[in-house]
Amino acid sequence: RSERQFCEQLDYNLLFRWFLDMNIVEESFDATVFTKNRERLMDHEVGRLFFDAVVKKARSAGLMSDDHFTVDGTLIDAWASLKSFRPKDEDPTVRPADGDSGNPTVDFHGEKRTNETHCSTTDTESLLMRKAKGKEARLSYGAHALMENRYGLLVDLKVTSANRATEWEAAEDMLKRQARKGVKPKTLGGDKGYDTRGFVKTLRGRKITPHVAANTKRKGGSAIDGRTTRHAGYTVSQRIRKRVEEIFGWMKTTGGFRKTRFKGRDKTQLAAWFVGT
């Protein structure tokens, strides 16, 4: 849960010591120094380099497709409570309290709260967002995954601010990263959220066939038509694209990434690289 708790574990957890090749009497890390080390990991992009090295091994072993991919996004809960979501112009010294400074009672029912007028005092980079209608709004970050379709392996992962527009921007950034590695996708699958005229136009400009789910109920209709959906490959992409949910499912349950343990997008991205690896 924290660097300090991890350093305490090293004092008596033999499994941790075995993993780090430490003997029984060797001193554990200093918690303060270990915490500062995280800044160095981010400055040198160690998490991304580690992730890319593992992806490269999978690709060299023939476990990845370089032609067909899927993109999707999810929300990661921020390390901040809704009580910390306060008006930006509020004076903290006159904030109403009930005598409990650590966990005061906050009644925000009936109050209109938006990201334009409010901000979390715990994690200022997190945003209030809900995944779908009828769902509760949470302080969150967006996590976006790019999956190859042969075996459903993760090839890229990006953490962004929690808003709809970043879904398409993150997908484009991940495709650019693949292009720099010499990978040229032929198709890209996605759910209805990616069926926008701007995103489809971007894909076609990159000579990538948009195998996104057609949102025919949207005003103006879908950005794709029968010229794309009539092919058997489109049907295959629509079936396989659902495997990306297994990646998010593993990350949130086994990987413990349903809620970030860090404040700020950069630290959350570093944690995402290790979970994604």
C-alpha atoms as a PDB file:
ATOM      1  CA  ARG A   1       0.000   0.000   0.000  1.00  0.00           C
ATOM      2  CA  SER A   2       2.967   2.349   0.530  1.00  0.00           C
ATOM      3  CA  GLU A   3       6.747   2.470   0.182  1.00  0.00           C
ATOM      4  CA  ARG A   4       7.145   2.646   3.963  1.00  0.00           C
ATOM      5  CA  GLN A   5       5.019  -0.461   4.478  1.00  0.00           C
ATOM      6  CA  PHE A   6       7.038  -2.275   1.798  1.00  0.00           C
ATOM      7  CA  CYS A   7      10.323  -1.427   3.542  1.00  0.00           C
ATOM      8  CA  GLU A   8       8.863  -2.732   6.805  1.00  0.00           C
ATOM      9  CA  GLN A   9       7.892  -5.976   5.066  1.00  0.00           C
ATOM     10  CA  LEU A  10      11.510  -6.426   3.970  1.00  0.00           C
ATOM     11  CA  ASP A  11      12.527  -6.660   7.640  1.00  0.00           C
ATOM     12  CA  TYR A  12      10.672  -9.936   8.179  1.00  0.00           C
ATOM     13  CA  ASN A  13       9.109 -11.217   4.941  1.00  0.00           C
ATOM     14  CA  LEU A  14      11.478 -13.910   3.639  1.00  0.00           C
ATOM     15  CA  LEU A  15       9.600 -14.208   0.354  1.00  0.00           C
ATOM     16  CA  PHE A  16      10.296 -10.546  -0.450  1.00  0.00           C
ATOM     17  CA  ARG A  17      13.964 -11.007   0.477  1.00  0.00           C
ATOM     18  CA  TRP A  18      14.255 -14.105  -1.702  1.00  0.00           C
ATOM     19  CA  PHE A  19      12.758 -12.246  -4.676  1.00  0.00           C
ATOM     20  CA  LEU A  20      15.288  -9.406  -4.255  1.00  0.00           C
ATOM     21  CA  ASP A  21      18.207 -11.812  -3.671  1.00  0.00           C
ATOM     22  CA  MET A  22      18.770 -10.481  -0.127  1.00  0.00           C
ATOM     23  CA  ASN A  23      20.095 -12.597   2.723  1.00  0.00           C
ATOM     24  CA  ILE A  24      18.407 -12.829   6.129  1.00  0.00           C
ATOM     25  CA  VAL A  25      20.616 -10.307   7.971  1.00  0.00           C
ATOM     26  CA  GLU A  26      20.959  -7.729   5.173  1.00  0.00           C
ATOM     27  CA  GLU A  27      19.454  -4.332   6.027  1.00  0.00           C
ATOM     28  CA  SER A  28      16.300  -3.313   4.161  1.00  0.00           C
ATOM     29  CA  PHE A  29      15.875  -0.081   2.201  1.00  0.00           C
ATOM     30  CA  ASP A  30      15.470   3.276   3.877  1.00  0.00           C
ATOM     31  CA  ALA A  31      11.849   4.294   3.271  1.00  0.00           C
ATOM     32  CA  THR A  32      12.656   7.963   2.590  1.00  0.00           C
ATOM     33  CA  VAL A  33      15.355   7.163   0.049  1.00  0.00           C
ATOM     34  CA  PHE A  34      13.196   4.496  -1.566  1.00  0.00           C
ATOM     35  CA  THR A  35      10.339   7.001  -1.994  1.00  0.00           C
ATOM     36  CA  LYS A  36      12.637   9.549  -3.660  1.00  0.00           C
ATOM     37  CA  ASN A  37      13.832   6.809  -6.004  1.00  0.00           C
ATOM     38  CA  ARG A  38      10.404   6.759  -7.638  1.00  0.00           C
ATOM     39  CA  GLU A  39      11.061  10.211  -9.083  1.00  0.00           C
ATOM     40  CA  ARG A  40      14.178   8.854 -10.805  1.00  0.00           C
ATOM     41  CA  LEU A  41      12.184   5.957 -12.257  1.00  0.00           C
ATOM     42  CA  MET A  42       9.745   8.443 -13.793  1.00  0.00           C
ATOM     43  CA  ASP A  43      12.456  10.805 -15.069  1.00  0.00           C
ATOM     44  CA  HIS A  44      14.206   7.962 -16.913  1.00  0.00           C
ATOM     45  CA  GLU A  45      10.952   6.263 -18.053  1.00  0.00           C
ATOM     46  CA  VAL A  46      12.062   2.976 -16.515  1.00  0.00           C
ATOM     47  CA  GLY A  47       8.496   1.659 -16.381  1.00  0.00           C
ATOM     48  CA  ARG A  48       7.918   2.184 -20.110  1.00  0.00           C
ATOM     49  CA  LEU A  49      11.301   0.684 -21.036  1.00  0.00           C
ATOM     50  CA  PHE A  50      10.599  -2.374 -18.867  1.00  0.00           C
ATOM     51  CA  PHE A  51       7.160  -2.823 -20.431  1.00  0.00           C
ATOM     52  CA  ASP A  52       8.524  -2.414 -23.977  1.00  0.00           C
ATOM     53  CA  ALA A  53      11.263  -4.986 -23.317  1.00  0.00           C
ATOM     54  CA  VAL A  54       8.671  -7.605 -22.330  1.00  0.00           C
ATOM     55  CA  VAL A  55       6.489  -6.786 -25.349  1.00  0.00           C
ATOM     56  CA  LYS A  56       9.548  -7.131 -27.581  1.00  0.00           C
ATOM     57  CA  LYS A  57      10.200 -10.622 -26.196  1.00  0.00           C
ATOM     58  CA  ALA A  58       6.625 -11.670 -26.917  1.00  0.00           C
ATOM     59  CA  ARG A  59       6.807 -10.233 -30.444  1.00  0.00           C
ATOM     60  CA  SER A  60      10.136 -11.945 -31.205  1.00  0.00           C
ATOM     61  CA  ALA A  61       8.602 -15.242 -30.049  1.00  0.00           C
ATOM     62  CA  GLY A  62       5.823 -14.886 -32.625  1.00  0.00           C
ATOM     63  CA  LEU A  63       3.118 -14.346 -30.006  1.00  0.00           C
ATOM     64  CA  MET A  64       1.807 -11.097 -31.444  1.00  0.00           C
ATOM     65  CA  SER A  65       0.000  -9.933 -34.534  1.00  0.00           C
ATOM     66  CA  ASP A  66       1.332  -6.841 -36.281  1.00  0.00           C
ATOM     67  CA  ASP A  67      -1.821  -6.420 -38.379  1.00  0.00           C
ATOM     68  CA  HIS A  68      -4.930  -6.455 -36.183  1.00  0.00           C
ATOM     69  CA  PHE A  69      -5.423  -4.564 -32.921  1.00  0.00           C
ATOM     70  CA  THR A  70      -8.117  -3.465 -30.456  1.00  0.00           C
ATOM     71  CA  VAL A  71      -8.326  -0.350 -28.307  1.00  0.00           C
ATOM     72  CA  ASP A  72     -10.443   0.317 -25.232  1.00  0.00           C
ATOM     73  CA  GLY A  73     -10.530   2.458 -22.116  1.00  0.00           C
ATOM     74  CA  THR A  74     -11.580   2.169 -18.492  1.00  0.00           C
ATOM     75  CA  LEU A  75     -11.577   4.266 -15.324  1.00  0.00           C
ATOM     76  CA  ILE A  76      -9.114   3.855 -12.458  1.00  0.00           C
ATOM     77  CA  ASP A  77     -10.256   5.262  -9.120  1.00  0.00           C
ATOM     78  CA  ALA A  78      -8.023   8.047  -7.828  1.00  0.00           C
ATOM     79  CA  TRP A  79      -6.415   7.966  -4.380  1.00  0.00           C
ATOM     80  CA  ALA A  80      -8.834  10.620  -3.141  1.00  0.00           C
ATOM     81  CA  SER A  81     -12.298  10.646  -1.609  1.00  0.00           C
ATOM     82  CA  LEU A  82     -15.317  12.627  -2.745  1.00  0.00           C
ATOM     83  CA  LYS A  83     -15.037  14.630   0.474  1.00  0.00           C
ATOM     84  CA  SER A  84     -11.857  16.181  -0.925  1.00  0.00           C
ATOM     85  CA  PHE A  85     -13.726  17.489  -3.999  1.00  0.00           C
ATOM     86  CA  ARG A  86     -14.139  21.098  -2.899  1.00  0.00           C
ATOM     87  CA  PRO A  87     -14.919  24.424  -4.664  1.00  0.00           C
ATOM     88  CA  LYS A  88     -11.809  25.928  -6.251  1.00  0.00           C
ATOM     89  CA  ASP A  89     -12.498  29.381  -4.768  1.00  0.00           C
ATOM     90  CA  GLU A  90     -13.141  28.062  -1.247  1.00  0.00           C
ATOM     91  CA  ASP A  91     -11.022  29.391   1.611  1.00  0.00           C
ATOM     92  CA  PRO A  92      -9.784  26.328   3.566  1.00  0.00           C
ATOM     93  CA  THR A  93      -9.626  28.346   6.785  1.00  0.00           C
ATOM     94  CA  VAL A  94     -13.380  28.977   6.794  1.00  0.00           C
ATOM     95  CA  ARG A  95     -14.384  25.514   5.673  1.00  0.00           C
ATOM     96  CA  PRO A  96     -17.228  24.180   7.872  1.00  0.00           C
ATOM     97  CA  ALA A  97     -16.117  21.418  10.232  1.00  0.00           C
ATOM     98  CA  ASP A  98     -17.674  19.226  12.906  1.00  0.00           C
ATOM     99  CA  GLY A  99     -14.625  18.932  15.144  1.00  0.00           C
ATOM    100  CA  ASP A 100     -13.113  15.976  13.285  1.00  0.00           C
ATOM    101  CA  SER A 101     -10.374  17.408  11.065  1.00  0.00           C
ATOM    102  CA  GLY A 102      -9.264  13.982   9.866  1.00  0.00           C
ATOM    103  CA  ASN A 103     -12.663  12.809   8.622  1.00  0.00           C
ATOM    104  CA  PRO A 104     -15.193  15.657   8.783  1.00  0.00           C
ATOM    105  CA  THR A 105     -18.827  15.290   7.836  1.00  0.00           C
ATOM    106  CA  VAL A 106     -19.389  16.728   4.363  1.00  0.00           C
ATOM    107  CA  ASP A 107     -22.920  17.176   3.043  1.00  0.00           C
ATOM    108  CA  PHE A 108     -22.832  17.953  -0.693  1.00  0.00           C
ATOM    109  CA  HIS A 109     -26.357  16.779  -1.543  1.00  0.00           C
ATOM    110  CA  GLY A 110     -28.125  19.316  -3.734  1.00  0.00           C
ATOM    111  CA  GLU A 111     -24.835  21.041  -4.576  1.00  0.00           C
ATOM    112  CA  LYS A 112     -23.874  21.210  -8.252  1.00  0.00           C
ATOM    113  CA  ARG A 113     -20.310  19.951  -8.523  1.00  0.00           C
ATOM    114  CA  THR A 114     -18.333  19.913 -11.756  1.00  0.00           C
ATOM    115  CA  ASN A 115     -14.684  19.714 -12.726  1.00  0.00           C
ATOM    116  CA  GLU A 116     -14.858  23.352 -13.837  1.00  0.00           C
ATOM    117  CA  THR A 117     -15.877  24.650 -10.408  1.00  0.00           C
ATOM    118  CA  HIS A 118     -14.464  22.006  -8.042  1.00  0.00           C
ATOM    119  CA  CYS A 119     -11.153  20.239  -7.527  1.00  0.00           C
ATOM    120  CA  SER A 120      -9.844  17.509  -5.255  1.00  0.00           C
ATOM    121  CA  THR A 121      -7.618  18.850  -2.499  1.00  0.00           C
ATOM    122  CA  THR A 122      -5.965  15.427  -2.199  1.00  0.00           C
ATOM    123  CA  ASP A 123      -5.143  14.759  -5.864  1.00  0.00           C
ATOM    124  CA  THR A 124      -5.564  17.864  -7.981  1.00  0.00           C
ATOM    125  CA  GLU A 125      -5.038  15.964 -11.260  1.00  0.00           C
ATOM    126  CA  SER A 126      -7.950  13.568 -10.747  1.00  0.00           C
ATOM    127  CA  LEU A 127     -11.309  14.396 -12.325  1.00  0.00           C
ATOM    128  CA  LEU A 128     -14.901  13.524 -11.476  1.00  0.00           C
ATOM    129  CA  MET A 129     -16.352  11.168 -14.075  1.00  0.00           C
ATOM    130  CA  ARG A 130     -18.789   8.316 -14.486  1.00  0.00           C
ATOM    131  CA  LYS A 131     -18.382   5.490 -16.969  1.00  0.00           C
ATOM    132  CA  ALA A 132     -22.004   5.392 -18.141  1.00  0.00           C
ATOM    133  CA  LYS A 133     -25.460   6.803 -17.452  1.00  0.00           C
ATOM    134  CA  GLY A 134     -26.887   5.585 -14.180  1.00  0.00           C
ATOM    135  CA  LYS A 135     -23.440   4.978 -12.705  1.00  0.00           C
ATOM    136  CA  GLU A 136     -22.038   6.989  -9.825  1.00  0.00           C
ATOM    137  CA  ALA A 137     -19.389   9.631 -10.521  1.00  0.00           C
ATOM    138  CA  ARG A 138     -15.937   9.015  -9.021  1.00  0.00           C
ATOM    139  CA  LEU A 139     -12.638  10.829  -8.875  1.00  0.00           C
ATOM    140  CA  SER A 140     -10.748   8.933 -11.551  1.00  0.00           C
ATOM    141  CA  TYR A 141      -8.052   8.601 -14.165  1.00  0.00           C
ATOM    142  CA  GLY A 142      -8.509   7.123 -17.620  1.00  0.00           C
ATOM    143  CA  ALA A 143      -6.577   3.975 -18.531  1.00  0.00           C
ATOM    144  CA  HIS A 144      -6.346   3.049 -22.224  1.00  0.00           C
ATOM    145  CA  ALA A 145      -5.126  -0.269 -23.575  1.00  0.00           C
ATOM    146  CA  LEU A 146      -3.995  -1.371 -27.028  1.00  0.00           C
ATOM    147  CA  MET A 147      -4.309  -5.136 -27.566  1.00  0.00           C
ATOM    148  CA  GLU A 148      -3.123  -7.305 -30.423  1.00  0.00           C
ATOM    149  CA  ASN A 149      -5.797  -9.684 -31.647  1.00  0.00           C
ATOM    150  CA  ARG A 150      -3.879 -12.930 -32.131  1.00  0.00           C
ATOM    151  CA  TYR A 151      -3.547 -13.911 -28.461  1.00  0.00           C
ATOM    152  CA  GLY A 152      -5.105 -10.907 -26.744  1.00  0.00           C
ATOM    153  CA  LEU A 153      -1.821  -9.567 -25.356  1.00  0.00           C
ATOM    154  CA  LEU A 154      -1.333  -5.997 -24.183  1.00  0.00           C
ATOM    155  CA  VAL A 155       1.023  -3.959 -26.384  1.00  0.00           C
ATOM    156  CA  ASP A 156       0.539  -0.464 -24.953  1.00  0.00           C
ATOM    157  CA  LEU A 157      -1.057   1.219 -21.951  1.00  0.00           C
ATOM    158  CA  LYS A 158      -1.633   4.923 -21.341  1.00  0.00           C
ATOM    159  CA  VAL A 159      -3.001   6.803 -18.327  1.00  0.00           C
ATOM    160  CA  THR A 160      -4.767  10.094 -19.013  1.00  0.00           C
ATOM    161  CA  SER A 161      -7.161  12.529 -17.418  1.00  0.00           C
ATOM    162  CA  ALA A 162     -10.670  11.145 -17.038  1.00  0.00           C
ATOM    163  CA  ASN A 163     -12.718  12.571 -19.899  1.00  0.00           C
ATOM    164  CA  ARG A 164     -14.215  11.273 -23.129  1.00  0.00           C
ATOM    165  CA  ALA A 165     -11.957  13.190 -25.505  1.00  0.00           C
ATOM    166  CA  THR A 166      -8.818  11.532 -24.150  1.00  0.00           C
ATOM    167  CA  GLU A 167     -10.037   8.121 -25.354  1.00  0.00           C
ATOM    168  CA  TRP A 168      -9.463   9.036 -28.982  1.00  0.00           C
ATOM    169  CA  GLU A 169      -6.302  11.020 -28.252  1.00  0.00           C
ATOM    170  CA  ALA A 170      -4.812   8.137 -26.270  1.00  0.00           C
ATOM    171  CA  ALA A 171      -5.636   5.678 -29.059  1.00  0.00           C
ATOM    172  CA  GLU A 172      -3.914   7.914 -31.610  1.00  0.00           C
ATOM    173  CA  ASP A 173      -0.846   8.316 -29.380  1.00  0.00           C
ATOM    174  CA  MET A 174      -0.543   4.552 -28.909  1.00  0.00           C
ATOM    175  CA  LEU A 175      -0.828   3.990 -32.667  1.00  0.00           C
ATOM    176  CA  LYS A 176       1.933   6.536 -33.228  1.00  0.00           C
ATOM    177  CA  ARG A 177       4.136   4.637 -30.777  1.00  0.00           C
ATOM    178  CA  GLN A 178       3.567   1.432 -32.731  1.00  0.00           C
ATOM    179  CA  ALA A 179       4.438   3.223 -35.975  1.00  0.00           C
ATOM    180  CA  ARG A 180       7.744   4.370 -34.497  1.00  0.00           C
ATOM    181  CA  LYS A 181       8.522   0.708 -33.786  1.00  0.00           C
ATOM    182  CA  GLY A 182       7.801  -0.219 -37.392  1.00  0.00           C
ATOM    183  CA  VAL A 183       4.415  -1.806 -36.649  1.00  0.00           C
ATOM    184  CA  LYS A 184       1.741  -0.877 -39.206  1.00  0.00           C
ATOM    185  CA  PRO A 185      -1.741  -2.040 -38.106  1.00  0.00           C
ATOM    186  CA  LYS A 186      -4.241  -2.918 -40.809  1.00  0.00           C
ATOM    187  CA  THR A 187      -7.357  -2.875 -38.617  1.00  0.00           C
ATOM    188  CA  LEU A 188      -8.323  -1.413 -35.251  1.00  0.00           C
ATOM    189  CA  GLY A 189     -11.317  -2.674 -33.301  1.00  0.00           C
ATOM    190  CA  GLY A 190     -13.192  -0.732 -30.648  1.00  0.00           C
ATOM    191  CA  ASP A 191     -16.564  -0.208 -28.995  1.00  0.00           C
ATOM    192  CA  LYS A 192     -19.210   2.376 -29.941  1.00  0.00           C
ATOM    193  CA  GLY A 193     -17.361   5.099 -28.077  1.00  0.00           C
ATOM    194  CA  TYR A 194     -14.777   5.167 -30.879  1.00  0.00           C
ATOM    195  CA  ASP A 195     -17.391   5.465 -33.633  1.00  0.00           C
ATOM    196  CA  THR A 196     -16.887   9.176 -34.273  1.00  0.00           C
ATOM    197  CA  ARG A 197     -16.247  10.824 -37.609  1.00  0.00           C
ATOM    198  CA  GLY A 198     -13.058  12.476 -36.412  1.00  0.00           C
ATOM    199  CA  PHE A 199     -11.493   9.277 -35.066  1.00  0.00           C
ATOM    200  CA  VAL A 200     -12.557   7.186 -38.080  1.00  0.00           C
ATOM    201  CA  LYS A 201     -11.084   9.829 -40.384  1.00  0.00           C
ATOM    202  CA  THR A 202      -7.824   9.701 -38.430  1.00  0.00           C
ATOM    203  CA  LEU A 203      -7.628   5.920 -38.809  1.00  0.00           C
ATOM    204  CA  ARG A 204      -8.287   6.031 -42.524  1.00  0.00           C
ATOM    205  CA  GLY A 205      -5.652   8.724 -42.871  1.00  0.00           C
ATOM    206  CA  ARG A 206      -3.216   6.230 -41.383  1.00  0.00           C
ATOM    207  CA  LYS A 207      -4.506   3.542 -43.774  1.00  0.00           C
ATOM    208  CA  ILE A 208      -6.060   1.599 -40.880  1.00  0.00           C
ATOM    209  CA  THR A 209      -9.495   0.066 -41.414  1.00  0.00           C
ATOM    210  CA  PRO A 210     -11.797   1.143 -38.534  1.00  0.00           C
ATOM    211  CA  HIS A 211     -13.393  -2.009 -37.118  1.00  0.00           C
ATOM    212  CA  VAL A 212     -15.301  -0.082 -34.443  1.00  0.00           C
ATOM    213  CA  ALA A 213     -18.795  -1.038 -33.325  1.00  0.00           C
ATOM    214  CA  ALA A 214     -21.348   0.915 -35.377  1.00  0.00           C
ATOM    215  CA  ASN A 215     -23.346   3.343 -33.243  1.00  0.00           C
ATOM    216  CA  THR A 216     -26.457   3.546 -35.419  1.00  0.00           C
ATOM    217  CA  LYS A 217     -28.584   5.089 -32.655  1.00  0.00           C
ATOM    218  CA  ARG A 218     -26.461   8.214 -32.426  1.00  0.00           C
ATOM    219  CA  LYS A 219     -27.705  11.413 -33.999  1.00  0.00           C
ATOM    220  CA  GLY A 220     -26.208  11.589 -37.483  1.00  0.00           C
ATOM    221  CA  GLY A 221     -25.666   7.841 -37.650  1.00  0.00           C
ATOM    222  CA  SER A 222     -22.521   5.763 -37.618  1.00  0.00           C
ATOM    223  CA  ALA A 223     -19.232   6.946 -39.102  1.00  0.00           C
ATOM    224  CA  ILE A 224     -18.818   3.564 -40.844  1.00  0.00           C
ATOM    225  CA  ASP A 225     -21.152   1.795 -43.260  1.00  0.00           C
ATOM    226  CA  GLY A 226     -21.633  -1.437 -45.185  1.00  0.00           C
ATOM    227  CA  ARG A 227     -18.377  -0.999 -47.064  1.00  0.00           C
ATOM    228  CA  THR A 228     -16.670  -1.888 -43.756  1.00  0.00           C
ATOM    229  CA  THR A 229     -19.233  -3.973 -41.885  1.00  0.00           C
ATOM    230  CA  ARG A 230     -20.028  -6.392 -44.758  1.00  0.00           C
ATOM    231  CA  HIS A 231     -16.620  -8.098 -44.595  1.00  0.00           C
ATOM    232  CA  ALA A 232     -16.014 -11.229 -42.526  1.00  0.00           C
ATOM    233  CA  GLY A 233     -12.927  -9.627 -40.967  1.00  0.00           C
ATOM    234  CA  TYR A 234     -15.115  -6.975 -39.337  1.00  0.00           C
ATOM    235  CA  THR A 235     -17.208  -9.679 -37.663  1.00  0.00           C
ATOM    236  CA  VAL A 236     -14.058 -11.388 -36.395  1.00  0.00           C
ATOM    237  CA  SER A 237     -12.699  -8.114 -34.986  1.00  0.00           C
ATOM    238  CA  GLN A 238     -15.998  -7.438 -33.193  1.00  0.00           C
ATOM    239  CA  ARG A 239     -15.842 -10.864 -31.563  1.00  0.00           C
ATOM    240  CA  ILE A 240     -12.171 -10.648 -30.547  1.00  0.00           C
ATOM    241  CA  ARG A 241     -12.238  -7.035 -29.323  1.00  0.00           C
ATOM    242  CA  LYS A 242     -14.108  -8.129 -26.184  1.00  0.00           C
ATOM    243  CA  ARG A 243     -10.938  -9.857 -24.962  1.00  0.00           C
ATOM    244  CA  VAL A 244      -9.542  -6.462 -23.998  1.00  0.00           C
ATOM    245  CA  GLU A 245     -11.967  -6.525 -21.071  1.00  0.00           C
ATOM    246  CA  GLU A 246     -10.024  -9.519 -19.725  1.00  0.00           C
ATOM    247  CA  ILE A 247      -6.917  -7.314 -19.577  1.00  0.00           C
ATOM    248  CA  PHE A 248      -8.735  -4.687 -17.533  1.00  0.00           C
ATOM    249  CA  GLY A 249     -10.338  -7.401 -15.404  1.00  0.00           C
ATOM    250  CA  TRP A 250      -6.955  -8.899 -14.531  1.00  0.00           C
ATOM    251  CA  MET A 251      -5.420  -5.488 -13.841  1.00  0.00           C
ATOM    252  CA  LYS A 252      -8.217  -4.507 -11.452  1.00  0.00           C
ATOM    253  CA  THR A 253      -8.516  -7.795  -9.562  1.00  0.00           C
ATOM    254  CA  THR A 254      -5.255  -9.753  -9.588  1.00  0.00           C
ATOM    255  CA  GLY A 255      -3.142  -6.688 -10.395  1.00  0.00           C
ATOM    256  CA  GLY A 256      -4.782  -4.575  -7.685  1.00  0.00           C
ATOM    257  CA  PHE A 257      -5.179  -1.601 -10.039  1.00  0.00           C
ATOM    258  CA  ARG A 258      -8.884  -0.905  -9.566  1.00  0.00           C
ATOM    259  CA  LYS A 259      -7.753   2.063  -7.477  1.00  0.00           C
ATOM    260  CA  THR A 260      -4.391   3.743  -7.815  1.00  0.00           C
ATOM    261  CA  ARG A 261      -2.224   3.991  -4.696  1.00  0.00           C
ATOM    262  CA  PHE A 262      -0.503   7.140  -5.923  1.00  0.00           C
ATOM    263  CA  LYS A 263      -1.334  10.806  -6.316  1.00  0.00           C
ATOM    264  CA  GLY A 264      -0.841  12.341  -9.732  1.00  0.00           C
ATOM    265  CA  ARG A 265      -0.998  11.015 -13.275  1.00  0.00           C
ATOM    266  CA  ASP A 266       2.745  10.411 -13.687  1.00  0.00           C
ATOM    267  CA  LYS A 267       2.996   8.134 -10.654  1.00  0.00           C
ATOM    268  CA  THR A 268      -0.182   6.340 -11.683  1.00  0.00           C
ATOM    269  CA  GLN A 269       1.279   5.809 -15.163  1.00  0.00           C
ATOM    270  CA  LEU A 270       4.432   4.310 -13.640  1.00  0.00           C
ATOM    271  CA  ALA A 271       2.312   1.881 -11.609  1.00  0.00           C
ATOM    272  CA  ALA A 272       0.311   1.067 -14.772  1.00  0.00           C
ATOM    273  CA  TRP A 273       3.471   0.108 -16.672  1.00  0.00           C
ATOM    274  CA  PHE A 274       4.409  -2.443 -14.001  1.00  0.00           C
ATOM    275  CA  VAL A 275       0.870  -3.865 -13.745  1.00  0.00           C
ATOM    276  CA  GLY A 276       0.621  -3.990 -17.545  1.00  0.00           C
ATOM    277  CA  THR A 277       3.954  -5.784 -17.803  1.00  0.00           C
END
